[in-house]
Amino acid sequence: MSIGLQPTKTDNVVSLRALSKNSKKKIDKKSGRKQPRANDYGIEFEPAPDSQFSINTPLKQKLMTTPSTNGSIKPNKTPKISTVFSTPKSKKKLELSVIEEDAGETHIIDEKKNSTEINKSLPVKKRKIDDINLDEMETPTKKTKTLSDLPWVAYCSQQHKQNILNNNYLCSDIIISTQNLLKFEFPEINGFQETTLAPVKLNGKWVSETGFQSQESPSLQIHHNGNAHWVLSLQTRDGNIYLLDSLSLNLTTSLEYQLTQIYGKDKKKLIIRIPDVQKQQNSIDCGLFAIANALEFCQTGFKGGTHITYEQKYMREHLIHCLENGKFTHFPKNNFGKTPKNLKTKTHIISINCDCGKPDTIEDMVGCEGKTGRKMCDVWTHRSCAKKNMKENSWFCEVHR
């Protein structure tokens, strides 16, 4: 969430009303045929001549009786049987089967076979409402697509475009897509590594599985400083390193670690120049200024400075226009003058004393206890790196070991 990504896990919403309702015992669903209604008996009808109702069978006697009000069985009137009838003409022969139920046994009478088969009836198991598969009762509905499911450009979806228009914080997907487009347009410039390679702190220790790769000049990289802020680092052809920050914040440990991985190869001190650049008017447009400054460096060799002032209210629309067209143009500016000779810059020095190449600030340092004459040794290392060669809580470098 600190780098603008949407959380993957969501808390389940618990409905107390639904829980109390589900805890109650559900009424068993009735199975089998429906119970007869009061008006179902005593109806006069004319059976077909080939029907079993024209013959005096036990089933006919059972159906031709209705319960009276006092509980006794009252025979119905004999139905009128018409002697004049007509049957529909069909090429298929009509077959009639009558099922007679008799005290746990089922008799199937077929006119064609003229035989009776007796099968013992099996008990019917009732099914509760909870046991019924809802897929059998309802047809599955199609899942409605959201903006996150609709692609836009590169790693971004329509939801990313909506976030840009709604003045939201730029996430890493937008930054990576922008860097990939700049890398395609300016192949002579190195860098443009994915921002997700930044080290993270777990259980008090900084972990970097792959990390950033060392780059030769000229190069640039957009960084996430680990505190919801985007900055840009540049390495010019003369080897100088600049950090362009639209809020002029202090360097975090995560940012120092990233700068060391990219520019600190075989160096004991890394000098970072921080020029004075245009300041953003809110707390969410840092990514836009990092992208705009990166484009200026690619096109004009820009090192930063207040001599360039962007039209901040048009920067989001311009970014969408460039991504959709697949080509970057200058961001809208108020004025664009020559770079002043005496550019106001601050310097920040990152110490890299340990042989592992990581900055000193990631953990505690241990100094060598050896001496050269009266002078103490000035070799330092991280405590975790010195554990292998420590003796009685004292550490000695290779020279004094």
Protein backbone atom coordinates (compact mmCIF):
# COMPACT_ATOMS: atom_id res chain seq x y z
CA MET A 1 0.00 0.00 0.00
CA SER A 2 2.97 2.34 0.60
CA ILE A 3 3.88 2.26 -3.10
CA GLY A 4 0.31 2.79 -4.32
CA LEU A 5 -0.73 -0.78 -5.06
CA GLN A 6 -4.19 -2.02 -4.24
CA PRO A 7 -4.27 -4.50 -1.32
CA THR A 8 -4.73 -8.11 -2.41
CA LYS A 9 -6.43 -9.26 0.77
CA THR A 10 -9.77 -7.87 1.86
CA ASP A 11 -11.47 -8.43 5.18
CA ASN A 12 -14.61 -10.52 5.01
CA VAL A 13 -17.74 -8.61 5.99
CA VAL A 14 -19.65 -10.50 8.64
CA SER A 15 -23.40 -10.04 8.83
CA LEU A 16 -24.74 -10.86 12.29
CA ARG A 17 -28.26 -11.11 10.90
CA ALA A 18 -27.17 -13.70 8.35
CA LEU A 19 -25.29 -15.70 11.00
CA SER A 20 -28.28 -15.81 13.32
CA LYS A 21 -30.53 -16.78 10.44
CA ASN A 22 -28.25 -19.59 9.30
CA SER A 23 -27.99 -21.01 12.81
CA LYS A 24 -31.71 -21.75 12.92
CA LYS A 25 -32.93 -25.14 11.84
CA LYS A 26 -34.20 -25.09 8.28
CA ILE A 27 -37.59 -26.64 7.53
CA ASP A 28 -37.27 -29.89 5.62
CA LYS A 29 -38.31 -29.58 2.04
CA LYS A 30 -41.35 -31.70 1.20
CA SER A 31 -40.64 -34.42 -1.31
CA GLY A 32 -42.91 -36.58 -3.42
CA ARG A 33 -46.27 -35.73 -4.95
CA LYS A 34 -48.49 -32.96 -3.68
CA GLN A 35 -51.38 -33.67 -1.33
CA PRO A 36 -54.78 -33.76 -3.04
CA ARG A 37 -57.05 -30.76 -2.62
CA ALA A 38 -60.63 -30.87 -1.38
CA ASN A 39 -62.19 -30.23 -4.78
CA ASP A 40 -60.12 -32.87 -6.53
CA TYR A 41 -62.70 -35.62 -5.69
CA GLY A 42 -66.12 -36.14 -7.18
CA ILE A 43 -65.31 -34.76 -10.60
CA GLU A 44 -67.19 -36.39 -13.45
CA PHE A 45 -65.06 -37.32 -16.39
CA GLU A 46 -65.31 -39.53 -19.48
CA PRO A 47 -62.38 -41.94 -19.73
CA ALA A 48 -61.02 -43.07 -23.05
CA PRO A 49 -62.20 -46.51 -24.26
CA ASP A 50 -58.67 -47.95 -24.07
CA SER A 51 -58.14 -46.63 -20.53
CA GLN A 52 -57.99 -48.86 -17.48
CA PHE A 53 -60.72 -46.70 -15.89
CA SER A 54 -63.23 -48.40 -18.17
CA ILE A 55 -62.41 -51.66 -16.36
CA ASN A 56 -63.32 -52.18 -12.75
CA THR A 57 -59.86 -52.20 -11.11
CA PRO A 58 -58.76 -51.56 -7.51
CA LEU A 59 -57.16 -48.29 -8.65
CA LYS A 60 -60.51 -47.18 -10.10
CA GLN A 61 -62.31 -47.97 -6.87
CA LYS A 62 -59.69 -46.09 -4.90
CA LEU A 63 -59.89 -42.96 -7.02
CA MET A 64 -63.69 -43.02 -7.22
CA THR A 65 -64.09 -42.65 -3.46
CA THR A 66 -63.76 -39.44 -1.44
CA PRO A 67 -63.67 -38.90 2.31
CA SER A 68 -66.89 -37.48 3.71
CA THR A 69 -67.16 -34.90 6.43
CA ASN A 70 -67.65 -37.52 9.17
CA GLY A 71 -64.55 -39.49 8.10
CA SER A 72 -66.37 -42.34 6.32
CA ILE A 73 -65.66 -43.26 2.71
CA LYS A 74 -68.40 -42.22 0.34
CA PRO A 75 -68.52 -43.66 -3.18
CA ASN A 76 -68.83 -41.23 -6.02
CA LYS A 77 -71.27 -41.40 -8.80
CA THR A 78 -70.43 -43.71 -11.64
CA PRO A 79 -68.83 -41.68 -14.38
CA LYS A 80 -70.60 -41.45 -17.65
CA ILE A 81 -68.82 -43.44 -20.30
CA SER A 82 -69.46 -42.36 -23.82
CA THR A 83 -69.85 -45.11 -26.41
CA VAL A 84 -69.16 -42.74 -29.26
CA PHE A 85 -65.53 -41.70 -29.33
CA SER A 86 -62.76 -40.82 -31.67
CA THR A 87 -59.04 -41.15 -31.17
CA PRO A 88 -56.36 -39.08 -32.85
CA LYS A 89 -54.75 -40.67 -35.87
CA SER A 90 -51.07 -41.35 -35.38
CA LYS A 91 -48.52 -43.62 -36.93
CA LYS A 92 -47.25 -44.59 -33.49
CA LYS A 93 -49.15 -47.12 -31.42
CA LEU A 94 -50.42 -45.84 -28.12
CA GLU A 95 -49.26 -47.71 -25.06
CA LEU A 96 -50.85 -47.28 -21.65
CA SER A 97 -49.42 -48.23 -18.31
CA VAL A 98 -51.24 -47.90 -15.03
CA ILE A 99 -49.35 -47.97 -11.76
CA GLU A 100 -51.15 -49.48 -8.80
CA GLU A 101 -49.71 -49.02 -5.34
CA ASP A 102 -50.63 -51.73 -2.88
CA ALA A 103 -49.20 -51.90 0.67
CA GLY A 104 -45.54 -51.27 -0.07
CA GLU A 105 -45.62 -52.99 -3.50
CA THR A 106 -45.85 -51.44 -6.95
CA HIS A 107 -47.80 -53.20 -9.71
CA ILE A 108 -47.11 -52.06 -13.26
CA ILE A 109 -49.90 -53.16 -15.62
CA ASP A 110 -49.05 -52.88 -19.27
CA GLU A 111 -51.68 -53.63 -21.91
CA LYS A 112 -49.09 -54.61 -24.48
CA LYS A 113 -47.32 -57.15 -22.30
CA ASN A 114 -50.40 -58.24 -20.34
CA SER A 115 -48.14 -59.03 -17.40
CA THR A 116 -47.62 -57.68 -13.93
CA GLU A 117 -44.18 -56.87 -12.55
CA ILE A 118 -43.79 -56.40 -8.81
CA ASN A 119 -41.03 -54.22 -7.50
CA LYS A 120 -40.51 -53.36 -3.91
CA SER A 121 -40.65 -49.60 -3.40
CA LEU A 122 -37.57 -47.91 -1.96
CA PRO A 123 -37.81 -45.32 0.80
CA VAL A 124 -37.45 -41.71 -0.34
CA LYS A 125 -34.86 -39.60 1.52
CA LYS A 126 -35.88 -36.06 2.21
CA ARG A 127 -33.48 -33.28 1.23
CA LYS A 128 -32.99 -30.19 3.29
CA ILE A 129 -32.80 -26.75 1.75
CA ASP A 130 -29.11 -26.45 2.71
CA ASP A 131 -28.29 -29.64 0.78
CA ILE A 132 -29.77 -28.40 -2.47
CA ASN A 133 -27.17 -27.32 -5.01
CA LEU A 134 -27.91 -23.77 -6.01
CA ASP A 135 -26.25 -24.34 -9.37
CA GLU A 136 -29.07 -26.75 -10.26
CA MET A 137 -31.74 -24.20 -9.34
CA GLU A 138 -30.27 -21.02 -10.80
CA THR A 139 -28.33 -20.42 -13.97
CA PRO A 140 -24.87 -18.92 -13.37
CA THR A 141 -24.69 -15.20 -14.00
CA LYS A 142 -21.83 -13.73 -15.99
CA LYS A 143 -19.26 -11.76 -14.00
CA THR A 144 -19.37 -8.08 -14.82
CA LYS A 145 -16.06 -6.64 -15.96
CA THR A 146 -14.55 -3.78 -13.97
CA LEU A 147 -12.10 -1.09 -15.04
CA SER A 148 -9.25 -3.18 -13.64
CA ASP A 149 -10.08 -5.96 -16.14
CA LEU A 150 -9.95 -3.66 -19.18
CA PRO A 151 -6.41 -3.15 -20.56
CA TRP A 152 -5.11 0.32 -21.37
CA VAL A 153 -1.37 0.55 -22.14
CA ALA A 154 1.55 -1.71 -21.12
CA TYR A 155 1.06 -2.83 -17.48
CA CYS A 156 -1.80 -0.38 -16.93
CA SER A 157 -5.56 -0.89 -17.11
CA GLN A 158 -8.43 1.54 -17.49
CA GLN A 159 -8.44 1.84 -13.69
CA HIS A 160 -4.92 3.30 -13.80
CA LYS A 161 -6.06 5.88 -16.35
CA GLN A 162 -8.99 6.79 -14.10
CA ASN A 163 -6.61 7.16 -11.14
CA ILE A 164 -4.50 9.64 -13.12
CA LEU A 165 -7.56 11.69 -14.06
CA ASN A 166 -8.87 11.61 -10.46
CA ASN A 167 -5.64 13.18 -9.11
CA ASN A 168 -4.60 10.01 -7.29
CA TYR A 169 -1.07 8.94 -6.38
CA LEU A 170 0.83 7.30 -9.26
CA CYS A 171 1.48 3.62 -8.56
CA SER A 172 4.50 1.57 -9.65
CA ASP A 173 2.65 0.14 -12.70
CA ILE A 174 2.37 3.63 -14.22
CA ILE A 175 5.99 4.48 -13.40
CA ILE A 176 7.30 1.22 -14.90
CA SER A 177 5.21 1.67 -18.06
CA THR A 178 6.55 5.22 -18.43
CA GLN A 179 10.17 4.13 -17.98
CA ASN A 180 9.75 1.35 -20.55
CA LEU A 181 8.48 3.86 -23.10
CA LEU A 182 11.39 6.22 -22.38
CA LYS A 183 13.84 3.34 -22.69
CA PHE A 184 12.39 2.49 -26.10
CA GLU A 185 12.66 6.12 -27.29
CA PHE A 186 16.15 6.75 -25.87
CA PRO A 187 18.14 3.50 -26.09
CA GLU A 188 21.46 5.33 -25.62
CA ILE A 189 20.59 6.09 -21.98
CA ASN A 190 21.02 3.36 -19.39
CA GLY A 191 18.90 2.60 -16.36
CA PHE A 192 15.10 2.48 -16.40
CA GLN A 193 15.02 -0.49 -13.99
CA GLU A 194 11.79 -1.62 -12.34
CA THR A 195 11.01 0.28 -9.16
CA THR A 196 9.91 -2.90 -7.38
CA LEU A 197 13.57 -4.00 -7.11
CA ALA A 198 14.03 -1.64 -4.17
CA PRO A 199 15.10 -3.32 -0.89
CA VAL A 200 12.58 -3.74 1.91
CA LYS A 201 13.01 -3.97 5.67
CA LEU A 202 11.83 -7.25 7.24
CA ASN A 203 12.22 -8.04 10.95
CA GLY A 204 14.66 -5.18 11.41
CA LYS A 205 16.92 -6.22 8.50
CA TRP A 206 17.12 -4.85 4.99
CA VAL A 207 16.46 -7.52 2.39
CA SER A 208 17.16 -7.19 -1.33
CA GLU A 209 16.65 -10.44 -3.26
CA THR A 210 17.83 -9.14 -6.64
CA GLY A 211 18.25 -5.39 -6.16
CA PHE A 212 19.28 -2.77 -8.71
CA GLN A 213 22.14 -3.42 -11.11
CA SER A 214 25.10 -1.07 -11.41
CA GLN A 215 24.75 1.31 -14.40
CA GLU A 216 27.25 3.24 -16.50
CA SER A 217 26.76 6.88 -17.41
CA PRO A 218 24.59 8.36 -18.77
CA SER A 219 21.75 6.77 -16.86
CA LEU A 220 18.64 7.63 -14.89
CA GLN A 221 16.28 5.91 -12.48
CA ILE A 222 12.99 6.79 -10.79
CA HIS A 223 13.04 5.70 -7.13
CA HIS A 224 10.43 5.09 -4.48
CA ASN A 225 12.03 6.28 -1.25
CA GLY A 226 10.03 3.85 0.91
CA ASN A 227 7.89 6.64 2.32
CA ALA A 228 5.23 7.17 -0.41
CA HIS A 229 7.39 9.55 -2.47
CA TRP A 230 8.93 9.40 -5.98
CA VAL A 231 12.31 10.98 -6.81
CA LEU A 232 14.65 10.88 -9.82
CA SER A 233 18.39 10.16 -9.90
CA LEU A 234 20.66 11.06 -12.85
CA GLN A 235 24.21 10.13 -13.79
CA THR A 236 25.64 12.51 -16.38
CA ARG A 237 28.37 11.69 -18.87
CA ASP A 238 31.01 13.27 -16.62
CA GLY A 239 30.08 10.82 -13.84
CA ASN A 240 28.29 13.27 -11.52
CA ILE A 241 25.17 12.01 -9.76
CA TYR A 242 22.13 14.25 -9.24
CA LEU A 243 18.99 13.68 -7.22
CA LEU A 244 15.89 15.66 -8.28
CA ASP A 245 13.29 15.85 -5.52
CA SER A 246 10.17 18.01 -5.90
CA LEU A 247 9.75 18.14 -2.09
CA SER A 248 13.43 18.41 -1.00
CA LEU A 249 13.08 15.71 1.66
CA ASN A 250 15.94 14.09 3.51
CA LEU A 251 17.30 10.89 2.01
CA THR A 252 15.79 7.77 3.56
CA THR A 253 17.76 4.60 4.28
CA SER A 254 15.92 2.80 1.49
CA LEU A 255 16.87 5.53 -1.01
CA GLU A 256 20.53 5.48 0.08
CA TYR A 257 20.57 1.71 -0.37
CA GLN A 258 19.15 2.04 -3.93
CA LEU A 259 21.64 4.77 -4.91
CA THR A 260 24.51 2.67 -3.58
CA GLN A 261 23.46 -0.35 -5.64
CA ILE A 262 23.29 1.69 -8.88
CA TYR A 263 26.16 4.19 -8.51
CA GLY A 264 28.34 2.99 -5.61
CA LYS A 265 30.38 0.23 -7.26
CA ASP A 266 34.00 0.18 -5.95
CA LYS A 267 33.43 3.45 -4.04
CA LYS A 268 33.92 4.26 -0.37
CA LYS A 269 32.04 7.55 -0.59
CA LEU A 270 29.15 8.37 -2.88
CA ILE A 271 28.57 12.09 -3.46
CA ILE A 272 24.98 13.00 -4.37
CA ARG A 273 24.24 16.50 -5.71
CA ILE A 274 20.74 17.78 -4.96
CA PRO A 275 19.85 20.85 -7.09
CA ASP A 276 16.99 23.18 -6.32
CA VAL A 277 14.05 22.24 -8.59
CA GLN A 278 10.43 23.27 -8.90
CA LYS A 279 8.35 22.27 -5.88
CA GLN A 280 5.02 20.49 -6.26
CA GLN A 281 1.93 22.28 -4.92
CA ASN A 282 0.41 19.19 -3.34
CA SER A 283 1.50 15.86 -1.85
CA ILE A 284 0.54 13.49 -4.71
CA ASP A 285 2.20 14.85 -7.90
CA CYS A 286 5.76 13.73 -7.08
CA GLY A 287 5.55 10.98 -9.71
CA LEU A 288 4.60 13.50 -12.41
CA PHE A 289 7.60 15.73 -11.66
CA ALA A 290 9.93 12.71 -11.64
CA ILE A 291 8.66 11.69 -15.10
CA ALA A 292 8.85 15.24 -16.46
CA ASN A 293 12.42 15.74 -15.20
CA ALA A 294 13.45 12.35 -16.62
CA LEU A 295 12.10 13.36 -20.04
CA GLU A 296 14.00 16.67 -19.94
CA PHE A 297 17.23 14.84 -19.13
CA CYS A 298 16.71 12.43 -22.04
CA GLN A 299 15.98 15.21 -24.53
CA THR A 300 18.21 18.11 -23.40
CA GLY A 301 20.64 16.73 -20.78
CA PHE A 302 18.77 18.58 -18.05
CA LYS A 303 20.41 18.52 -14.60
CA GLY A 304 17.64 20.27 -12.74
CA GLY A 305 16.94 23.77 -11.56
CA THR A 306 14.22 26.34 -10.94
CA HIS A 307 14.78 27.78 -14.43
CA ILE A 308 12.10 25.28 -15.62
CA THR A 309 8.57 25.71 -14.32
CA TYR A 310 5.91 23.21 -15.37
CA GLU A 311 2.19 23.87 -15.70
CA GLN A 312 1.19 21.47 -12.97
CA LYS A 313 -2.55 21.47 -13.73
CA TYR A 314 -1.95 20.13 -17.27
CA MET A 315 0.66 17.48 -16.44
CA ARG A 316 -1.78 14.60 -15.87
CA GLU A 317 -3.62 15.06 -19.15
CA HIS A 318 -0.29 15.36 -20.97
CA LEU A 319 0.95 12.09 -19.41
CA ILE A 320 -2.18 10.24 -20.60
CA HIS A 321 -1.78 11.72 -24.07
CA CYS A 322 1.86 10.56 -24.30
CA LEU A 323 1.16 7.04 -23.05
CA GLU A 324 -1.72 6.54 -25.46
CA ASN A 325 0.30 7.85 -28.45
CA GLY A 326 3.38 5.83 -27.50
CA LYS A 327 5.67 8.86 -27.70
CA PHE A 328 6.71 11.54 -25.20
CA THR A 329 6.74 15.26 -25.85
CA HIS A 330 7.76 18.13 -23.57
CA PHE A 331 5.49 18.69 -20.62
CA PRO A 332 3.74 22.09 -20.69
CA LYS A 333 5.92 24.83 -19.13
CA ASN A 334 5.53 28.44 -18.07
CA ASN A 335 9.08 29.42 -18.93
CA PHE A 336 12.18 27.65 -20.15
CA GLY A 337 15.46 29.51 -19.95
CA LYS A 338 19.14 28.67 -20.03
CA THR A 339 20.67 26.71 -17.19
CA PRO A 340 22.30 29.18 -14.78
CA LYS A 341 26.04 28.90 -14.31
CA ASN A 342 25.88 28.93 -10.51
CA LEU A 343 23.19 26.33 -9.91
CA LYS A 344 22.15 26.15 -6.27
CA THR A 345 22.87 22.62 -5.16
CA LYS A 346 23.31 20.73 -1.91
CA THR A 347 25.51 17.70 -1.44
CA HIS A 348 24.85 14.49 0.43
CA ILE A 349 27.60 11.95 1.10
CA ILE A 350 26.78 8.25 1.50
CA SER A 351 29.50 6.31 3.29
CA ILE A 352 30.26 2.79 2.06
CA ASN A 353 32.96 1.50 4.42
CA CYS A 354 31.99 -2.17 4.51
CA ASP A 355 33.37 -4.54 1.89
CA CYS A 356 29.83 -5.75 1.13
CA GLY A 357 29.17 -2.49 -0.74
CA LYS A 358 26.08 -1.56 1.29
CA PRO A 359 25.71 1.87 2.94
CA ASP A 360 26.70 2.28 6.56
CA THR A 361 23.23 3.41 7.58
CA ILE A 362 21.45 0.05 7.11
CA GLU A 363 22.76 -1.31 10.46
CA ASP A 364 25.31 -0.77 13.25
CA MET A 365 29.00 -0.60 12.35
CA VAL A 366 31.98 -2.23 14.08
CA GLY A 367 35.50 -0.76 13.95
CA CYS A 368 38.82 -2.60 13.88
CA GLU A 369 40.55 -2.80 17.29
CA GLY A 370 44.03 -2.94 15.77
CA LYS A 371 46.62 -0.17 15.86
CA THR A 372 49.35 1.00 13.55
CA GLY A 373 51.78 2.51 15.99
CA ARG A 374 49.71 4.87 18.13
CA LYS A 375 47.09 5.37 15.46
CA MET A 376 43.88 3.32 15.63
CA CYS A 377 42.79 1.47 12.50
CA ASP A 378 40.07 3.28 10.54
CA VAL A 379 38.51 0.20 8.93
CA TRP A 380 34.80 -0.32 9.67
CA THR A 381 32.30 -3.01 8.77
CA HIS A 382 28.70 -4.00 9.47
CA ARG A 383 28.07 -5.99 12.61
CA SER A 384 26.48 -8.84 10.62
CA CYS A 385 29.53 -8.97 8.32
CA ALA A 386 31.95 -8.98 11.27
CA LYS A 387 30.35 -11.91 13.14
CA LYS A 388 32.45 -14.52 11.33
CA ASN A 389 35.79 -13.03 12.51
CA MET A 390 34.87 -11.62 15.93
CA LYS A 391 36.78 -12.86 18.98
CA GLU A 392 35.66 -11.88 22.47
CA ASN A 393 33.46 -9.10 21.11
CA SER A 394 36.44 -7.62 19.26
CA TRP A 395 36.91 -7.47 15.51
CA PHE A 396 40.13 -7.06 13.54
CA CYS A 397 40.51 -6.32 9.86
CA GLU A 398 42.59 -8.51 7.54
CA VAL A 399 45.72 -6.43 8.18
CA HIS A 400 45.59 -6.67 12.00
CA ARG A 401 44.04 -10.11 12.19
